[in-house]
Amino acid sequence: MFNAMIEILRANPRKIVFTEGHDPRILEATARLVEGGFLTPILIGNEEQVRAKAAAGGYNIQGVEILDPLTYPGMDQMVDTMVQLRKGKMAPEECRAALSKGNYFGTMLVKMGYADALLGGATYSTADTVRPALQLVKTRKGAHLVSSCFILVRGDEKIAMGDCAINLSYEDTLDKDGNVVLSGAQKLAEVAIETAKTAKVFGIDPKVAMLSFSTNGSGKGGTVKLSHDATVIAKEMDPELMIDGEMQFDAAVAPEVGQLKFPGSAVAGYANTFIFPTIEAGNIGYKIAQRLGGFEAYGPILQGLAAPINDLSRGCNADEVYKMAIITAALV
C-alpha cells in the first residue's frame, strides 16, 4: 500500500508542513523522508532549536526548510489574508497572535499555496489541528462537514471505518425559524460517501455497511432510523456505490449471518467499509480491531476539507508520523 503511494508521490512532487518541527518524532520521520526523496517536508519552529534537536538525535535534515513564525518575512501578508478569511471575526492583532503558533501558521501556508498538505497533532490536540483548518482552509465545495476515517490493515486485508474521531453524533441543523436545513441523516450519509472515497485511495473497493444494533428493520429506537435514513440518502447521492443498512456488525462481515438477516444484499456479509452512527461506537470499534484484531490503524484521516490536513495521535511514534505523512500527501 505504501509503496504504491510512494510511487505516486515520486511522479507528483508535494510539500508537506509539520507544525511541530522541534519534536523528535517529527525529526526522525523527516530524516526518513529526506532519505527517500519522494516528499518535501517543511518544519515549523525556531531554526536554531530545531537543528540542534535534530543533531542531538542524529537525524539528518540537511536541506530541509525550517520556517519560524516569529521571523517569517511574509507575516504581514499572511495576517491580512487571515483577517479577510475571518471576515471581521478576528482583529489584525488577534490574527497575528494566532499565526505566531505553528498550527495556524502551518495551516495558512497550505491556504496560501506554499505547501500542499499539513500534518500536526504530535503535541497539539485534535481540536487545535482541526480548528485552524475549518477557519482558514475550510470545507471543499459541496461538503457540509468535516469527518474522519481510519484505514485498518492486517496483512493483505484492508478495511475503512468512519467516523471515529470528529463528529460526536448527528443532529439536525436548524435555521432560526426551526426549519431543518441539514438533517442528521444527510450528515451521516455524507460521512459514508466521503469514507468510501477515502477507501478507494487505499485500494479498497468499498462495500459500505451502515452499522447499528438492528439489521434491515429488526429493531427500533436509538440510531436505527438514523442509519436507515442515511443509507437511503447515500444511495441517492451515489447510485453506483455499494452500500446497505442499517445492519449489525456480524451481518456486515459474516456471509452466513448477513444473507440470513439481509437476504439479497450485495453488502451484507462482505462489507469492508463501516460507518458508525456515533463517535462512541466508531472509536471503540476501531480500537477493538486494532488491539484485539491485530490490525494496524492509520488515521484519523480528515475528510471534507479543501486541502489534505491530518491529525496525529499525541502518543504516536516516528514510524506512524512517517506513514501518515505519506498518506496525507497522497490525498492531494
Protein backbone atom coordinates (compact mmCIF):
# COMPACT_ATOMS: atom_id res chain seq x y z
CA MET A 1 0.00 0.00 0.00
CA PHE A 2 2.71 2.47 0.95
CA ASN A 3 4.95 1.51 -1.97
CA ALA A 4 2.14 2.39 -4.37
CA MET A 5 1.64 5.77 -2.67
CA ILE A 6 5.36 6.49 -2.73
CA GLU A 7 5.47 5.89 -6.48
CA ILE A 8 2.56 8.32 -6.91
CA LEU A 9 4.46 10.93 -4.89
CA ARG A 10 7.65 10.41 -6.89
CA ALA A 11 5.71 11.29 -10.02
CA ASN A 12 3.86 14.18 -8.35
CA PRO A 13 6.16 16.25 -6.10
CA ARG A 14 4.44 17.51 -2.94
CA LYS A 15 5.34 19.70 0.02
CA ILE A 16 4.05 18.80 3.49
CA VAL A 17 4.15 21.04 6.56
CA PHE A 18 4.85 19.64 10.03
CA THR A 19 3.50 22.02 12.66
CA GLU A 20 5.80 20.71 15.43
CA GLY A 21 9.25 20.82 13.88
CA HIS A 22 11.04 20.55 17.21
CA ASP A 23 9.50 17.18 18.16
CA PRO A 24 11.98 14.26 17.96
CA ARG A 25 9.37 12.01 16.33
CA ILE A 26 8.78 14.59 13.61
CA LEU A 27 12.53 14.98 13.10
CA GLU A 28 13.08 11.24 12.79
CA ALA A 29 10.26 10.94 10.25
CA THR A 30 11.60 13.97 8.37
CA ALA A 31 15.03 12.35 8.12
CA ARG A 32 13.42 9.25 6.58
CA LEU A 33 11.52 11.40 4.08
CA VAL A 34 14.72 13.24 3.16
CA GLU A 35 16.44 9.92 2.59
CA GLY A 36 13.52 8.65 0.49
CA GLY A 37 13.45 11.76 -1.68
CA PHE A 38 9.79 11.43 -2.70
CA LEU A 39 8.26 14.13 -0.47
CA THR A 40 9.46 17.58 0.59
CA PRO A 41 8.95 18.33 4.30
CA ILE A 42 8.73 21.83 5.78
CA LEU A 43 9.32 22.17 9.52
CA ILE A 44 7.86 24.93 11.66
CA GLY A 45 9.86 26.22 14.60
CA ASN A 46 12.92 28.14 15.67
CA GLU A 47 15.59 27.08 13.18
CA GLU A 48 18.46 27.02 15.67
CA GLN A 49 16.50 24.93 18.16
CA VAL A 50 15.15 22.55 15.50
CA ARG A 51 18.59 21.90 14.02
CA ALA A 52 20.10 21.43 17.48
CA LYS A 53 17.47 18.82 18.39
CA ALA A 54 18.00 17.07 15.06
CA ALA A 55 21.75 16.94 15.65
CA ALA A 56 21.26 15.65 19.19
CA GLY A 57 19.07 12.84 17.90
CA GLY A 58 21.31 12.05 14.95
CA TYR A 59 18.63 12.95 12.39
CA ASN A 60 19.83 14.22 9.03
CA ILE A 61 17.58 17.11 7.99
CA GLN A 62 20.12 18.76 5.74
CA GLY A 63 18.39 20.88 3.11
CA VAL A 64 15.04 20.87 4.88
CA GLU A 65 13.27 24.24 5.00
CA ILE A 66 12.55 25.47 8.53
CA LEU A 67 10.14 28.38 8.93
CA ASP A 68 9.83 30.37 12.15
CA PRO A 69 6.55 32.30 12.52
CA LEU A 70 8.34 34.92 14.63
CA THR A 71 10.80 35.82 11.85
CA TYR A 72 8.79 34.92 8.73
CA PRO A 73 9.19 37.77 6.18
CA GLY A 74 5.71 37.29 4.72
CA MET A 75 3.86 37.58 8.03
CA ASP A 76 2.17 40.91 7.23
CA GLN A 77 0.62 39.47 4.07
CA MET A 78 -0.38 36.35 5.99
CA VAL A 79 -2.10 38.47 8.67
CA ASP A 80 -4.00 40.45 6.02
CA THR A 81 -5.16 37.23 4.37
CA MET A 82 -6.32 35.76 7.65
CA VAL A 83 -8.27 38.93 8.52
CA GLN A 84 -10.10 38.62 5.20
CA LEU A 85 -10.79 34.93 5.74
CA ARG A 86 -12.16 35.51 9.23
CA LYS A 87 -14.48 38.24 7.87
CA GLY A 88 -14.37 40.55 10.84
CA LYS A 89 -14.43 37.81 13.47
CA MET A 90 -10.77 38.46 14.41
CA ALA A 91 -8.86 41.76 14.54
CA PRO A 92 -5.41 42.02 12.91
CA GLU A 93 -3.61 41.74 16.26
CA GLU A 94 -5.61 38.60 17.10
CA CYS A 95 -4.71 37.05 13.75
CA ARG A 96 -1.04 37.89 14.26
CA ALA A 97 -1.10 36.26 17.70
CA ALA A 98 -2.75 33.13 16.28
CA LEU A 99 -0.27 32.95 13.38
CA SER A 100 2.64 33.01 15.81
CA LYS A 101 1.63 29.44 16.68
CA GLY A 102 2.63 26.52 14.49
CA ASN A 103 -0.87 25.16 13.94
CA TYR A 104 -2.29 28.39 12.49
CA PHE A 105 0.93 29.33 10.70
CA GLY A 106 1.21 25.93 9.02
CA THR A 107 -2.44 25.93 8.00
CA MET A 108 -2.04 29.33 6.39
CA LEU A 109 0.97 28.05 4.41
CA VAL A 110 -1.38 25.47 2.91
CA LYS A 111 -4.15 28.01 2.33
CA MET A 112 -1.78 30.36 0.51
CA GLY A 113 -0.43 27.57 -1.69
CA TYR A 114 3.08 27.45 -0.24
CA ALA A 115 2.55 23.83 0.80
CA ASP A 116 0.23 21.09 -0.42
CA ALA A 117 -0.64 19.35 2.84
CA LEU A 118 -0.23 19.52 6.62
CA LEU A 119 0.33 17.03 9.40
CA GLY A 120 0.03 18.07 13.04
CA GLY A 121 -1.03 16.75 16.41
CA ALA A 122 2.16 15.29 17.85
CA THR A 123 1.73 17.80 20.67
CA TYR A 124 -1.39 19.71 19.58
CA SER A 125 -4.84 18.35 20.39
CA THR A 126 -7.18 17.25 17.61
CA ALA A 127 -9.23 20.41 18.18
CA ASP A 128 -6.11 22.57 17.79
CA THR A 129 -5.39 20.92 14.45
CA VAL A 130 -8.94 20.93 13.11
CA ARG A 131 -9.96 24.43 14.25
CA PRO A 132 -7.45 26.33 12.07
CA ALA A 133 -8.30 24.08 9.14
CA LEU A 134 -12.01 24.90 9.46
CA GLN A 135 -11.36 28.62 9.88
CA LEU A 136 -8.78 29.05 7.10
CA VAL A 137 -8.79 26.17 4.59
CA LYS A 138 -12.48 25.40 5.18
CA THR A 139 -14.59 22.63 3.66
CA ARG A 140 -14.39 22.00 -0.05
CA LYS A 141 -17.24 22.91 -2.36
CA GLY A 142 -20.22 20.64 -1.79
CA ALA A 143 -19.09 19.41 1.63
CA HIS A 144 -21.16 20.29 4.69
CA LEU A 145 -18.95 18.89 7.44
CA VAL A 146 -15.53 17.52 8.26
CA SER A 147 -15.35 13.87 9.21
CA SER A 148 -12.67 11.25 9.64
CA CYS A 149 -11.89 7.65 8.90
CA PHE A 150 -9.30 5.10 9.87
CA ILE A 151 -7.74 2.66 7.45
CA LEU A 152 -7.00 -0.65 9.17
CA VAL A 153 -4.51 -3.08 7.70
CA ARG A 154 -3.77 -6.71 8.63
CA GLY A 155 -1.53 -8.44 6.13
CA ASP A 156 -3.23 -8.07 2.76
CA GLU A 157 -6.58 -7.22 4.36
CA LYS A 158 -7.67 -3.56 4.38
CA ILE A 159 -10.84 -2.03 5.80
CA ALA A 160 -12.10 1.52 6.41
CA MET A 161 -14.02 2.85 9.41
CA GLY A 162 -15.69 6.24 9.84
CA ASP A 163 -16.32 8.50 11.66
CA CYS A 164 -14.21 7.56 14.67
CA ALA A 165 -12.71 10.89 15.75
CA ILE A 166 -14.58 14.07 14.78
CA ASN A 167 -18.40 14.05 14.86
CA LEU A 168 -19.81 13.15 18.25
CA SER A 169 -23.29 12.48 16.87
CA TYR A 170 -25.61 13.55 14.05
CA GLU A 171 -28.35 16.01 14.93
CA ASP A 172 -30.45 18.06 12.53
CA THR A 173 -29.16 21.56 11.79
CA LEU A 174 -31.98 24.11 12.09
CA ASP A 175 -32.37 27.66 10.85
CA LYS A 176 -33.52 30.49 13.12
CA ASP A 177 -37.17 29.57 12.44
CA GLY A 178 -36.66 25.95 13.42
CA ASN A 179 -36.67 24.52 9.92
CA VAL A 180 -34.30 21.65 9.12
CA VAL A 181 -31.59 22.85 6.73
CA LEU A 182 -29.40 19.75 7.04
CA SER A 183 -30.67 16.59 8.68
CA GLY A 184 -28.61 14.26 10.82
CA ALA A 185 -29.20 11.51 8.26
CA GLN A 186 -27.83 13.75 5.49
CA LYS A 187 -24.71 14.33 7.57
CA LEU A 188 -24.17 10.61 8.20
CA ALA A 189 -24.78 9.88 4.50
CA GLU A 190 -22.07 12.41 3.61
CA VAL A 191 -19.67 10.66 6.01
CA ALA A 192 -20.41 7.38 4.23
CA ILE A 193 -19.76 8.88 0.78
CA GLU A 194 -16.52 10.54 1.91
CA THR A 195 -15.27 7.41 3.67
CA ALA A 196 -15.90 5.38 0.52
CA LYS A 197 -13.85 7.90 -1.47
CA THR A 198 -11.00 7.67 1.03
CA ALA A 199 -11.16 3.87 0.93
CA LYS A 200 -10.60 3.97 -2.84
CA VAL A 201 -7.38 5.97 -2.35
CA PHE A 202 -6.05 2.99 -0.38
CA GLY A 203 -7.03 0.43 -2.99
CA ILE A 204 -10.22 -0.67 -1.25
CA ASP A 205 -13.24 -1.32 -3.48
CA PRO A 206 -15.80 -0.02 -0.97
CA LYS A 207 -18.71 -2.15 0.15
CA VAL A 208 -20.29 0.11 2.77
CA ALA A 209 -22.23 -1.10 5.80
CA MET A 210 -24.24 1.47 7.76
CA LEU A 211 -23.96 -0.01 11.22
CA SER A 212 -26.48 -0.12 14.06
CA PHE A 213 -27.82 -2.63 16.59
CA SER A 214 -30.56 -3.58 14.12
CA THR A 215 -30.43 -5.32 10.73
CA ASN A 216 -32.88 -4.45 7.98
CA GLY A 217 -35.62 -3.18 10.32
CA SER A 218 -35.30 -5.85 13.01
CA GLY A 219 -35.03 -3.26 15.81
CA LYS A 220 -36.42 0.14 16.71
CA GLY A 221 -35.20 3.19 18.61
CA GLY A 222 -31.71 4.51 19.20
CA THR A 223 -29.79 5.14 15.99
CA VAL A 224 -31.73 2.66 13.84
CA LYS A 225 -33.75 5.28 11.93
CA LEU A 226 -30.66 7.49 11.53
CA SER A 227 -28.63 4.71 9.92
CA HIS A 228 -31.55 3.55 7.78
CA ASP A 229 -32.38 7.04 6.51
CA ALA A 230 -28.72 7.82 5.89
CA THR A 231 -28.48 4.69 3.74
CA VAL A 232 -31.40 5.83 1.59
CA ILE A 233 -29.86 9.30 1.16
CA ALA A 234 -26.39 7.93 0.37
CA LYS A 235 -27.84 5.72 -2.36
CA GLU A 236 -29.46 8.81 -3.88
CA MET A 237 -26.19 10.75 -3.64
CA ASP A 238 -24.17 7.99 -5.31
CA PRO A 239 -26.31 5.34 -7.05
CA GLU A 240 -23.19 3.42 -8.10
CA LEU A 241 -21.91 2.96 -4.55
CA MET A 242 -22.40 -0.47 -2.97
CA ILE A 243 -24.00 0.45 0.35
CA ASP A 244 -26.64 -1.10 2.58
CA GLY A 245 -28.07 -0.68 6.03
CA GLU A 246 -28.95 -0.50 8.69
CA MET A 247 -27.13 -3.65 9.79
CA GLN A 248 -25.37 -5.18 12.78
CA PHE A 249 -21.65 -5.84 12.57
CA ASP A 250 -21.97 -9.60 12.34
CA ALA A 251 -24.41 -9.20 9.46
CA ALA A 252 -21.92 -6.90 7.78
CA VAL A 253 -18.94 -9.27 7.90
CA ALA A 254 -20.25 -12.85 8.09
CA PRO A 255 -21.95 -14.06 4.87
CA GLU A 256 -23.97 -16.75 6.65
CA VAL A 257 -25.39 -14.13 9.04
CA GLY A 258 -25.69 -11.30 6.55
CA GLN A 259 -27.59 -13.25 3.93
CA LEU A 260 -29.90 -14.71 6.59
CA LYS A 261 -30.73 -11.34 8.15
CA PHE A 262 -30.47 -9.22 4.99
CA PRO A 263 -31.24 -11.58 2.08
CA GLY A 264 -30.28 -10.32 -1.36
CA SER A 265 -27.96 -7.58 -0.09
CA ALA A 266 -24.72 -7.27 -2.06
CA VAL A 267 -23.04 -5.79 1.01
CA ALA A 268 -24.29 -7.89 3.94
CA GLY A 269 -21.57 -10.38 4.85
CA TYR A 270 -19.00 -8.80 2.56
CA ALA A 271 -18.56 -5.25 3.88
CA ASN A 272 -15.12 -3.65 4.05
CA THR A 273 -16.14 -0.07 4.84
CA PHE A 274 -18.01 0.54 8.08
CA ILE A 275 -19.96 3.66 9.06
CA PHE A 276 -20.77 4.11 12.74
CA PRO A 277 -23.79 6.09 13.98
CA THR A 278 -21.91 7.82 16.83
CA ILE A 279 -18.32 8.59 17.74
CA GLU A 280 -18.51 6.28 20.77
CA ALA A 281 -19.26 3.29 18.58
CA GLY A 282 -16.67 4.26 15.98
CA ASN A 283 -13.85 4.97 18.39
CA ILE A 284 -14.48 1.81 20.38
CA GLY A 285 -14.86 -0.24 17.21
CA TYR A 286 -11.58 0.72 15.56
CA LYS A 287 -9.66 0.30 18.81
CA ILE A 288 -11.07 -3.20 19.29
CA ALA A 289 -9.97 -4.07 15.75
CA GLN A 290 -6.54 -2.60 16.45
CA ARG A 291 -5.89 -4.12 19.87
CA LEU A 292 -7.70 -7.45 19.67
CA GLY A 293 -7.90 -7.99 15.92
CA GLY A 294 -4.26 -7.28 15.19
CA PHE A 295 -4.95 -4.53 12.65
CA GLU A 296 -2.60 -1.59 12.16
CA ALA A 297 -4.66 1.61 12.32
CA TYR A 298 -3.82 4.65 10.19
CA GLY A 299 -5.63 7.87 10.96
CA PRO A 300 -7.64 9.76 11.75
CA ILE A 301 -7.73 10.81 8.09
CA LEU A 302 -9.74 14.02 7.82
CA GLN A 303 -12.38 14.24 5.10
CA GLY A 304 -14.28 17.15 3.59
CA LEU A 305 -11.56 19.81 3.84
CA ALA A 306 -10.42 21.78 0.79
CA ALA A 307 -6.84 20.52 1.30
CA PRO A 308 -5.28 17.46 2.98
CA ILE A 309 -4.76 18.22 6.67
CA ASN A 310 -4.40 15.35 9.11
CA ASP A 311 -4.10 14.87 12.83
CA LEU A 312 -1.64 12.65 14.67
CA SER A 313 -2.20 10.96 17.97
CA ARG A 314 -0.14 12.60 20.71
CA GLY A 315 1.03 9.09 21.56
CA CYS A 316 2.32 8.47 18.03
CA ASN A 317 5.79 7.20 17.21
CA ALA A 318 8.13 8.25 14.39
CA ASP A 319 7.04 5.41 12.11
CA GLU A 320 3.41 6.48 12.42
CA VAL A 321 4.41 10.07 11.59
CA TYR A 322 6.30 8.87 8.52
CA LYS A 323 3.39 6.77 7.27
CA MET A 324 0.77 9.45 7.99
CA ALA A 325 2.90 11.94 6.04
CA ILE A 326 2.79 9.63 3.02
CA ILE A 327 -0.95 9.13 3.42
CA THR A 328 -1.63 12.85 3.79
CA ALA A 329 0.41 13.87 0.76
CA ALA A 330 -1.15 11.10 -1.35
CA LEU A 331 -4.58 12.64 -0.72
CA VAL A 332 -3.67 15.83 -2.64
